Structure formats: structure tokens, C-alpha cells
Amino acid sequence: GQQFEETVLGSPQGGVISPLIANVYLDAFDQ
């Protein structure tokens, strides 16, 4: 709404670069 909230965790779903960030992050688990 009109309220600003800091993001201390996460990468927003809807962001163009978020899928790549998630893949890089979870690749450590895959390996």
C-alpha cells in the first residue's frame, strides 16, 4: 500500500533476476 517495509531476507517473486538468484542459491544443495 503506502507502507514501506525493509527486505532483510528473500528475493521477490516477480523480479526478473530472482529465478537466477534462486538457482545459484540452490545449486549448492544440488551439488
Full PDB file with SEQRES, HELIX, SHEET, SSBOND, CRYST1, ORIGX, SCALE, CONECT and MASTER records, all heavy atoms in Angstrom:
SEQRES   1 A   31  GLY GLN GLN PHE GLU GLU THR VAL LEU GLY SER PRO GLN          
SEQRES   2 A   31  GLY GLY VAL ILE SER PRO LEU ILE ALA ASN VAL TYR LEU          
SEQRES   3 A   31  ASP ALA PHE ASP GLN                                          
HELIX    1 AA1 SER A   18  ASP A   30  1                                  13    
CRYST1    1.000    1.000    1.000  90.00  90.00  90.00 P 1           1          
ORIGX1      1.000000  0.000000  0.000000        0.00000                         
ORIGX2      0.000000  1.000000  0.000000        0.00000                         
ORIGX3      0.000000  0.000000  1.000000        0.00000                         
SCALE1      1.000000  0.000000  0.000000        0.00000                         
SCALE2      0.000000  1.000000  0.000000        0.00000                         
SCALE3      0.000000  0.000000  1.000000        0.00000                         
ATOM      1  N   GLY A   1       0.852  -1.188   0.000  1.00  0.00           N  
ATOM      2  CA  GLY A   1       0.000   0.000   0.000  1.00  0.00           C  
ATOM      3  C   GLY A   1       0.885   1.234   0.000  1.00  0.00           C  
ATOM      4  O   GLY A   1       1.699   1.441  -0.892  1.00  0.00           O  
ATOM      5  N   GLN A   2       0.766   2.051   1.034  1.00  0.00           N  
ATOM      6  CA  GLN A   2       1.609   3.234   1.182  1.00  0.00           C  
ATOM      7  C   GLN A   2       2.699   3.026   2.227  1.00  0.00           C  
ATOM      8  O   GLN A   2       3.409   3.965   2.579  1.00  0.00           O  
ATOM      9  CB  GLN A   2       0.732   4.436   1.582  1.00  0.00           C  
ATOM     10  CG  GLN A   2      -0.347   4.797   0.577  1.00  0.00           C  
ATOM     11  CD  GLN A   2       0.228   5.168  -0.768  1.00  0.00           C  
ATOM     12  OE1 GLN A   2       1.207   5.920  -0.845  1.00  0.00           O  
ATOM     13  NE2 GLN A   2      -0.359   4.662  -1.856  1.00  0.00           N  
ATOM     14  N   GLN A   3       2.845   1.805   2.712  1.00  0.00           N  
ATOM     15  CA  GLN A   3       3.786   1.493   3.782  1.00  0.00           C  
ATOM     16  C   GLN A   3       5.047   0.839   3.226  1.00  0.00           C  
ATOM     17  O   GLN A   3       4.984  -0.168   2.524  1.00  0.00           O  
ATOM     18  CB  GLN A   3       3.113   0.565   4.813  1.00  0.00           C  
ATOM     19  CG  GLN A   3       3.941   0.291   6.060  1.00  0.00           C  
ATOM     20  CD  GLN A   3       4.055   1.472   6.973  1.00  0.00           C  
ATOM     21  OE1 GLN A   3       3.108   2.270   7.071  1.00  0.00           O  
ATOM     22  NE2 GLN A   3       5.186   1.620   7.647  1.00  0.00           N  
ATOM     23  N   PHE A   4       6.211   1.429   3.548  1.00  0.00           N  
ATOM     24  CA  PHE A   4       7.488   0.863   3.137  1.00  0.00           C  
ATOM     25  C   PHE A   4       7.958  -0.156   4.163  1.00  0.00           C  
ATOM     26  O   PHE A   4       7.861   0.048   5.361  1.00  0.00           O  
ATOM     27  CB  PHE A   4       8.544   1.963   2.986  1.00  0.00           C  
ATOM     28  CG  PHE A   4       9.928   1.426   2.686  1.00  0.00           C  
ATOM     29  CD1 PHE A   4      10.278   1.049   1.394  1.00  0.00           C  
ATOM     30  CD2 PHE A   4      10.879   1.286   3.692  1.00  0.00           C  
ATOM     31  CE1 PHE A   4      11.540   0.554   1.105  1.00  0.00           C  
ATOM     32  CE2 PHE A   4      12.150   0.791   3.414  1.00  0.00           C  
ATOM     33  CZ  PHE A   4      12.482   0.428   2.111  1.00  0.00           C  
ATOM     34  N   GLU A   5       8.467  -1.290   3.648  1.00  0.00           N  
ATOM     35  CA  GLU A   5       8.973  -2.343   4.520  1.00  0.00           C  
ATOM     36  C   GLU A   5      10.340  -2.801   4.006  1.00  0.00           C  
ATOM     37  O   GLU A   5      10.503  -3.073   2.825  1.00  0.00           O  
ATOM     38  CB  GLU A   5       7.993  -3.523   4.545  1.00  0.00           C  
ATOM     39  CG  GLU A   5       8.278  -4.574   5.563  1.00  0.00           C  
ATOM     40  CD  GLU A   5       7.204  -5.643   5.611  1.00  0.00           C  
ATOM     41  OE1 GLU A   5       6.107  -5.368   6.134  1.00  0.00           O  
ATOM     42  OE2 GLU A   5       7.459  -6.755   5.093  1.00  0.00           O  
ATOM     43  N   GLU A   6      11.313  -2.847   4.898  1.00  0.00           N  
ATOM     44  CA  GLU A   6      12.646  -3.303   4.525  1.00  0.00           C  
ATOM     45  C   GLU A   6      12.629  -4.794   4.173  1.00  0.00           C  
ATOM     46  O   GLU A   6      11.804  -5.552   4.697  1.00  0.00           O  
ATOM     47  CB  GLU A   6      13.640  -3.060   5.654  1.00  0.00           C  
ATOM     48  CG  GLU A   6      13.953  -1.602   5.919  1.00  0.00           C  
ATOM     49  CD  GLU A   6      15.022  -1.439   6.973  1.00  0.00           C  
ATOM     50  OE1 GLU A   6      15.452  -2.450   7.573  1.00  0.00           O  
ATOM     51  OE2 GLU A   6      15.451  -0.297   7.206  1.00  0.00           O  
ATOM     52  N   THR A   7      13.536  -5.188   3.302  1.00  0.00           N  
ATOM     53  CA  THR A   7      13.693  -6.601   2.958  1.00  0.00           C  
ATOM     54  C   THR A   7      15.047  -7.077   3.455  1.00  0.00           C  
ATOM     55  O   THR A   7      16.082  -6.756   2.876  1.00  0.00           O  
ATOM     56  CB  THR A   7      13.579  -6.817   1.442  1.00  0.00           C  
ATOM     57  OG1 THR A   7      14.386  -5.847   0.752  1.00  0.00           O  
ATOM     58  CG2 THR A   7      12.141  -6.684   0.982  1.00  0.00           C  
ATOM     59  N   VAL A   8      15.042  -7.826   4.540  1.00  0.00           N  
ATOM     60  CA  VAL A   8      16.284  -8.352   5.108  1.00  0.00           C  
ATOM     61  C   VAL A   8      16.528  -9.787   4.658  1.00  0.00           C  
ATOM     62  O   VAL A   8      17.627 -10.321   4.824  1.00  0.00           O  
ATOM     63  CB  VAL A   8      16.257  -8.276   6.654  1.00  0.00           C  
ATOM     64  CG1 VAL A   8      16.209  -6.837   7.113  1.00  0.00           C  
ATOM     65  CG2 VAL A   8      15.065  -9.040   7.218  1.00  0.00           C  
ATOM     66  N   LEU A   9      15.484 -10.407   4.094  1.00  0.00           N  
ATOM     67  CA  LEU A   9      15.597 -11.753   3.551  1.00  0.00           C  
ATOM     68  C   LEU A   9      14.877 -11.816   2.217  1.00  0.00           C  
ATOM     69  O   LEU A   9      13.968 -11.041   1.945  1.00  0.00           O  
ATOM     70  CB  LEU A   9      14.968 -12.789   4.495  1.00  0.00           C  
ATOM     71  CG  LEU A   9      15.695 -13.209   5.761  1.00  0.00           C  
ATOM     72  CD1 LEU A   9      14.793 -14.150   6.561  1.00  0.00           C  
ATOM     73  CD2 LEU A   9      17.018 -13.906   5.453  1.00  0.00           C  
ATOM     74  N   GLY A  10      15.267 -12.770   1.399  1.00  0.00           N  
ATOM     75  CA  GLY A  10      14.496 -13.096   0.212  1.00  0.00           C  
ATOM     76  C   GLY A  10      14.831 -12.280  -1.019  1.00  0.00           C  
ATOM     77  O   GLY A  10      15.498 -11.249  -0.978  1.00  0.00           O  
ATOM     78  N   SER A  11      14.336 -12.806  -2.144  1.00  0.00           N  
ATOM     79  CA  SER A  11      14.397 -12.145  -3.437  1.00  0.00           C  
ATOM     80  C   SER A  11      12.987 -12.193  -4.004  1.00  0.00           C  
ATOM     81  O   SER A  11      12.414 -13.278  -4.126  1.00  0.00           O  
ATOM     82  CB  SER A  11      15.380 -12.868  -4.370  1.00  0.00           C  
ATOM     83  OG  SER A  11      15.511 -12.199  -5.611  1.00  0.00           O  
ATOM     84  N   PRO A  12      12.384 -11.061  -4.328  1.00  0.00           N  
ATOM     85  CA  PRO A  12      10.954 -11.025  -4.629  1.00  0.00           C  
ATOM     86  C   PRO A  12      10.561 -11.854  -5.847  1.00  0.00           C  
ATOM     87  O   PRO A  12      11.184 -11.731  -6.909  1.00  0.00           O  
ATOM     88  CB  PRO A  12      10.674  -9.538  -4.876  1.00  0.00           C  
ATOM     89  CG  PRO A  12      11.997  -8.952  -5.252  1.00  0.00           C  
ATOM     90  CD  PRO A  12      13.022  -9.735  -4.475  1.00  0.00           C  
ATOM     91  N   GLN A  13       9.544 -12.701  -5.684  1.00  0.00           N  
ATOM     92  CA  GLN A  13       8.961 -13.370  -6.834  1.00  0.00           C  
ATOM     93  C   GLN A  13       8.297 -12.307  -7.703  1.00  0.00           C  
ATOM     94  O   GLN A  13       7.476 -11.552  -7.244  1.00  0.00           O  
ATOM     95  CB  GLN A  13       7.933 -14.410  -6.375  1.00  0.00           C  
ATOM     96  CG  GLN A  13       8.515 -15.576  -5.638  1.00  0.00           C  
ATOM     97  CD  GLN A  13       7.493 -16.676  -5.419  1.00  0.00           C  
ATOM     98  OE1 GLN A  13       7.044 -17.306  -6.342  1.00  0.00           O  
ATOM     99  NE2 GLN A  13       7.157 -16.917  -4.163  1.00  0.00           N  
ATOM    100  N   GLY A  14       8.626 -12.262  -8.928  1.00  0.00           N  
ATOM    101  CA  GLY A  14       8.197 -11.204  -9.826  1.00  0.00           C  
ATOM    102  C   GLY A  14       9.373 -10.417 -10.349  1.00  0.00           C  
ATOM    103  O   GLY A  14       9.274  -9.745 -11.377  1.00  0.00           O  
ATOM    104  N   GLY A  15      10.497 -10.499  -9.633  1.00  0.00           N  
ATOM    105  CA  GLY A  15      11.713  -9.857 -10.102  1.00  0.00           C  
ATOM    106  C   GLY A  15      12.342 -10.653 -11.232  1.00  0.00           C  
ATOM    107  O   GLY A  15      12.375 -11.892 -11.204  1.00  0.00           O  
ATOM    108  N   VAL A  16      12.868  -9.956 -12.224  1.00  0.00           N  
ATOM    109  CA  VAL A  16      13.439 -10.616 -13.396  1.00  0.00           C  
ATOM    110  C   VAL A  16      14.636 -11.478 -13.026  1.00  0.00           C  
ATOM    111  O   VAL A  16      14.838 -12.568 -13.564  1.00  0.00           O  
ATOM    112  CB  VAL A  16      13.852  -9.563 -14.443  1.00  0.00           C  
ATOM    113  CG1 VAL A  16      14.574 -10.213 -15.617  1.00  0.00           C  
ATOM    114  CG2 VAL A  16      12.634  -8.790 -14.934  1.00  0.00           C  
ATOM    115  N   ILE A  17      15.426 -11.018 -12.080  1.00  0.00           N  
ATOM    116  CA  ILE A  17      16.658 -11.709 -11.739  1.00  0.00           C  
ATOM    117  C   ILE A  17      16.471 -12.732 -10.628  1.00  0.00           C  
ATOM    118  O   ILE A  17      17.374 -13.537 -10.356  1.00  0.00           O  
ATOM    119  CB  ILE A  17      17.763 -10.689 -11.356  1.00  0.00           C  
ATOM    120  CG1 ILE A  17      19.150 -11.305 -11.587  1.00  0.00           C  
ATOM    121  CG2 ILE A  17      17.566 -10.173  -9.923  1.00  0.00           C  
ATOM    122  CD1 ILE A  17      20.258 -10.275 -11.548  1.00  0.00           C  
ATOM    123  N   SER A  18      15.297 -12.753  -9.979  1.00  0.00           N  
ATOM    124  CA  SER A  18      15.063 -13.663  -8.855  1.00  0.00           C  
ATOM    125  C   SER A  18      15.219 -15.137  -9.208  1.00  0.00           C  
ATOM    126  O   SER A  18      15.789 -15.902  -8.435  1.00  0.00           O  
ATOM    127  CB  SER A  18      13.686 -13.397  -8.239  1.00  0.00           C  
ATOM    128  OG  SER A  18      13.648 -12.134  -7.611  1.00  0.00           O  
ATOM    129  N   PRO A  19      14.716 -15.608 -10.369  1.00  0.00           N  
ATOM    130  CA  PRO A  19      14.917 -17.030 -10.696  1.00  0.00           C  
ATOM    131  C   PRO A  19      16.383 -17.427 -10.774  1.00  0.00           C  
ATOM    132  O   PRO A  19      16.762 -18.507 -10.317  1.00  0.00           O  
ATOM    133  CB  PRO A  19      14.224 -17.172 -12.058  1.00  0.00           C  
ATOM    134  CG  PRO A  19      13.203 -16.084 -12.078  1.00  0.00           C  
ATOM    135  CD  PRO A  19      13.820 -14.950 -11.347  1.00  0.00           C  
ATOM    136  N   LEU A  20      17.229 -16.564 -11.352  1.00  0.00           N  
ATOM    137  CA  LEU A  20      18.660 -16.865 -11.422  1.00  0.00           C  
ATOM    138  C   LEU A  20      19.260 -16.893 -10.021  1.00  0.00           C  
ATOM    139  O   LEU A  20      20.071 -17.775  -9.706  1.00  0.00           O  
ATOM    140  CB  LEU A  20      19.380 -15.837 -12.292  1.00  0.00           C  
ATOM    141  CG  LEU A  20      20.915 -15.963 -12.338  1.00  0.00           C  
ATOM    142  CD1 LEU A  20      21.325 -17.313 -12.923  1.00  0.00           C  
ATOM    143  CD2 LEU A  20      21.527 -14.815 -13.137  1.00  0.00           C  
ATOM    144  N   ILE A  21      18.884 -15.934  -9.186  1.00  0.00           N  
ATOM    145  CA  ILE A  21      19.382 -15.904  -7.811  1.00  0.00           C  
ATOM    146  C   ILE A  21      19.020 -17.198  -7.088  1.00  0.00           C  
ATOM    147  O   ILE A  21      19.867 -17.803  -6.412  1.00  0.00           O  
ATOM    148  CB  ILE A  21      18.808 -14.684  -7.059  1.00  0.00           C  
ATOM    149  CG1 ILE A  21      19.437 -13.389  -7.597  1.00  0.00           C  
ATOM    150  CG2 ILE A  21      19.043 -14.804  -5.557  1.00  0.00           C  
ATOM    151  CD1 ILE A  21      18.797 -12.121  -7.049  1.00  0.00           C  
ATOM    152  N   ALA A  22      17.778 -17.651  -7.240  1.00  0.00           N  
ATOM    153  CA  ALA A  22      17.341 -18.883  -6.583  1.00  0.00           C  
ATOM    154  C   ALA A  22      18.113 -20.085  -7.104  1.00  0.00           C  
ATOM    155  O   ALA A  22      18.490 -20.974  -6.329  1.00  0.00           O  
ATOM    156  CB  ALA A  22      15.839 -19.073  -6.791  1.00  0.00           C  
ATOM    157  N   ASN A  23      18.365 -20.138  -8.408  1.00  0.00           N  
ATOM    158  CA  ASN A  23      19.110 -21.262  -8.970  1.00  0.00           C  
ATOM    159  C   ASN A  23      20.551 -21.292  -8.467  1.00  0.00           C  
ATOM    160  O   ASN A  23      21.090 -22.360  -8.168  1.00  0.00           O  
ATOM    161  CB  ASN A  23      19.084 -21.207 -10.496  1.00  0.00           C  
ATOM    162  CG  ASN A  23      17.863 -21.902 -11.089  1.00  0.00           C  
ATOM    163  OD1 ASN A  23      17.280 -22.797 -10.485  1.00  0.00           O  
ATOM    164  ND2 ASN A  23      17.481 -21.492 -12.295  1.00  0.00           N  
ATOM    165  N   VAL A  24      21.194 -20.130  -8.401  1.00  0.00           N  
ATOM    166  CA  VAL A  24      22.558 -20.067  -7.878  1.00  0.00           C  
ATOM    167  C   VAL A  24      22.573 -20.496  -6.414  1.00  0.00           C  
ATOM    168  O   VAL A  24      23.453 -21.240  -5.970  1.00  0.00           O  
ATOM    169  CB  VAL A  24      23.135 -18.635  -8.040  1.00  0.00           C  
ATOM    170  CG1 VAL A  24      24.473 -18.513  -7.307  1.00  0.00           C  
ATOM    171  CG2 VAL A  24      23.317 -18.298  -9.520  1.00  0.00           C  
ATOM    172  N   TYR A  25      21.591 -20.038  -5.670  1.00  0.00           N  
ATOM    173  CA  TYR A  25      21.494 -20.356  -4.240  1.00  0.00           C  
ATOM    174  C   TYR A  25      21.290 -21.857  -4.022  1.00  0.00           C  
ATOM    175  O   TYR A  25      21.976 -22.475  -3.202  1.00  0.00           O  
ATOM    176  CB  TYR A  25      20.319 -19.574  -3.649  1.00  0.00           C  
ATOM    177  CG  TYR A  25      20.300 -19.484  -2.137  1.00  0.00           C  
ATOM    178  CD1 TYR A  25      20.895 -18.410  -1.485  1.00  0.00           C  
ATOM    179  CD2 TYR A  25      19.657 -20.437  -1.358  1.00  0.00           C  
ATOM    180  CE1 TYR A  25      20.847 -18.286  -0.103  1.00  0.00           C  
ATOM    181  CE2 TYR A  25      19.615 -20.329   0.018  1.00  0.00           C  
ATOM    182  CZ  TYR A  25      20.210 -19.249   0.645  1.00  0.00           C  
ATOM    183  OH  TYR A  25      20.172 -19.139   2.022  1.00  0.00           O  
ATOM    184  N   LEU A  26      20.348 -22.452  -4.755  1.00  0.00           N  
ATOM    185  CA  LEU A  26      20.000 -23.855  -4.553  1.00  0.00           C  
ATOM    186  C   LEU A  26      20.958 -24.816  -5.249  1.00  0.00           C  
ATOM    187  O   LEU A  26      20.922 -26.019  -4.974  1.00  0.00           O  
ATOM    188  CB  LEU A  26      18.564 -24.115  -5.021  1.00  0.00           C  
ATOM    189  CG  LEU A  26      17.473 -23.508  -4.129  1.00  0.00           C  
ATOM    190  CD1 LEU A  26      16.096 -23.637  -4.778  1.00  0.00           C  
ATOM    191  CD2 LEU A  26      17.457 -24.184  -2.755  1.00  0.00           C  
ATOM    192  N   ASP A  27      21.801 -24.303  -6.154  1.00  0.00           N  
ATOM    193  CA  ASP A  27      22.776 -25.185  -6.787  1.00  0.00           C  
ATOM    194  C   ASP A  27      23.738 -25.776  -5.758  1.00  0.00           C  
ATOM    195  O   ASP A  27      24.245 -26.890  -5.956  1.00  0.00           O  
ATOM    196  CB  ASP A  27      23.550 -24.435  -7.868  1.00  0.00           C  
ATOM    197  CG  ASP A  27      24.460 -25.364  -8.663  1.00  0.00           C  
ATOM    198  OD1 ASP A  27      23.938 -26.275  -9.328  1.00  0.00           O  
ATOM    199  OD2 ASP A  27      25.688 -25.178  -8.585  1.00  0.00           O  
ATOM    200  N   ALA A  28      23.989 -25.045  -4.673  1.00  0.00           N  
ATOM    201  CA  ALA A  28      24.836 -25.588  -3.609  1.00  0.00           C  
ATOM    202  C   ALA A  28      24.215 -26.858  -3.036  1.00  0.00           C  
ATOM    203  O   ALA A  28      24.910 -27.832  -2.747  1.00  0.00           O  
ATOM    204  CB  ALA A  28      25.027 -24.538  -2.514  1.00  0.00           C  
ATOM    205  N   PHE A  29      22.892 -26.856  -2.883  1.00  0.00           N  
ATOM    206  CA  PHE A  29      22.182 -28.056  -2.433  1.00  0.00           C  
ATOM    207  C   PHE A  29      22.286 -29.171  -3.476  1.00  0.00           C  
ATOM    208  O   PHE A  29      22.553 -30.334  -3.133  1.00  0.00           O  
ATOM    209  CB  PHE A  29      20.712 -27.722  -2.160  1.00  0.00           C  
ATOM    210  CG  PHE A  29      19.816 -28.923  -2.067  1.00  0.00           C  
ATOM    211  CD1 PHE A  29      19.792 -29.698  -0.927  1.00  0.00           C  
ATOM    212  CD2 PHE A  29      18.992 -29.284  -3.129  1.00  0.00           C  
ATOM    213  CE1 PHE A  29      18.967 -30.822  -0.841  1.00  0.00           C  
ATOM    214  CE2 PHE A  29      18.166 -30.395  -3.053  1.00  0.00           C  
ATOM    215  CZ  PHE A  29      18.153 -31.159  -1.909  1.00  0.00           C  
ATOM    216  N   ASP A  30      22.056 -28.819  -4.747  1.00  0.00           N  
ATOM    217  CA  ASP A  30      22.131 -29.820  -5.820  1.00  0.00           C  
ATOM    218  C   ASP A  30      23.485 -30.524  -5.817  1.00  0.00           C  
ATOM    219  O   ASP A  30      23.567 -31.759  -5.906  1.00  0.00           O  
ATOM    220  CB  ASP A  30      21.904 -29.157  -7.176  1.00  0.00           C  
ATOM    221  CG  ASP A  30      20.552 -28.470  -7.296  1.00  0.00           C  
ATOM    222  OD1 ASP A  30      19.654 -28.778  -6.481  1.00  0.00           O  
ATOM    223  OD2 ASP A  30      20.401 -27.628  -8.198  1.00  0.00           O  
ATOM    224  N   GLN A  31      24.559 -29.745  -5.739  1.00  0.00           N  
ATOM    225  CA  GLN A  31      25.903 -30.310  -5.787  1.00  0.00           C  
ATOM    226  C   GLN A  31      26.207 -31.132  -4.536  1.00  0.00           C  
ATOM    227  O   GLN A  31      26.906 -32.162  -4.616  1.00  0.00           O  
ATOM    228  CB  GLN A  31      26.947 -29.198  -5.959  1.00  0.00           C  
ATOM    229  CG  GLN A  31      26.756 -28.326  -7.198  1.00  0.00           C  
ATOM    230  CD  GLN A  31      26.847 -29.105  -8.502  1.00  0.00           C  
ATOM    231  OE1 GLN A  31      27.382 -30.221  -8.569  1.00  0.00           O  
ATOM    232  NE2 GLN A  31      26.319 -28.524  -9.583  1.00  0.00           N  
TER     233      GLN A  31                                                      
MASTER        0    0    0    1    0    0    0    6  232    1    0    3          
END                                                                             
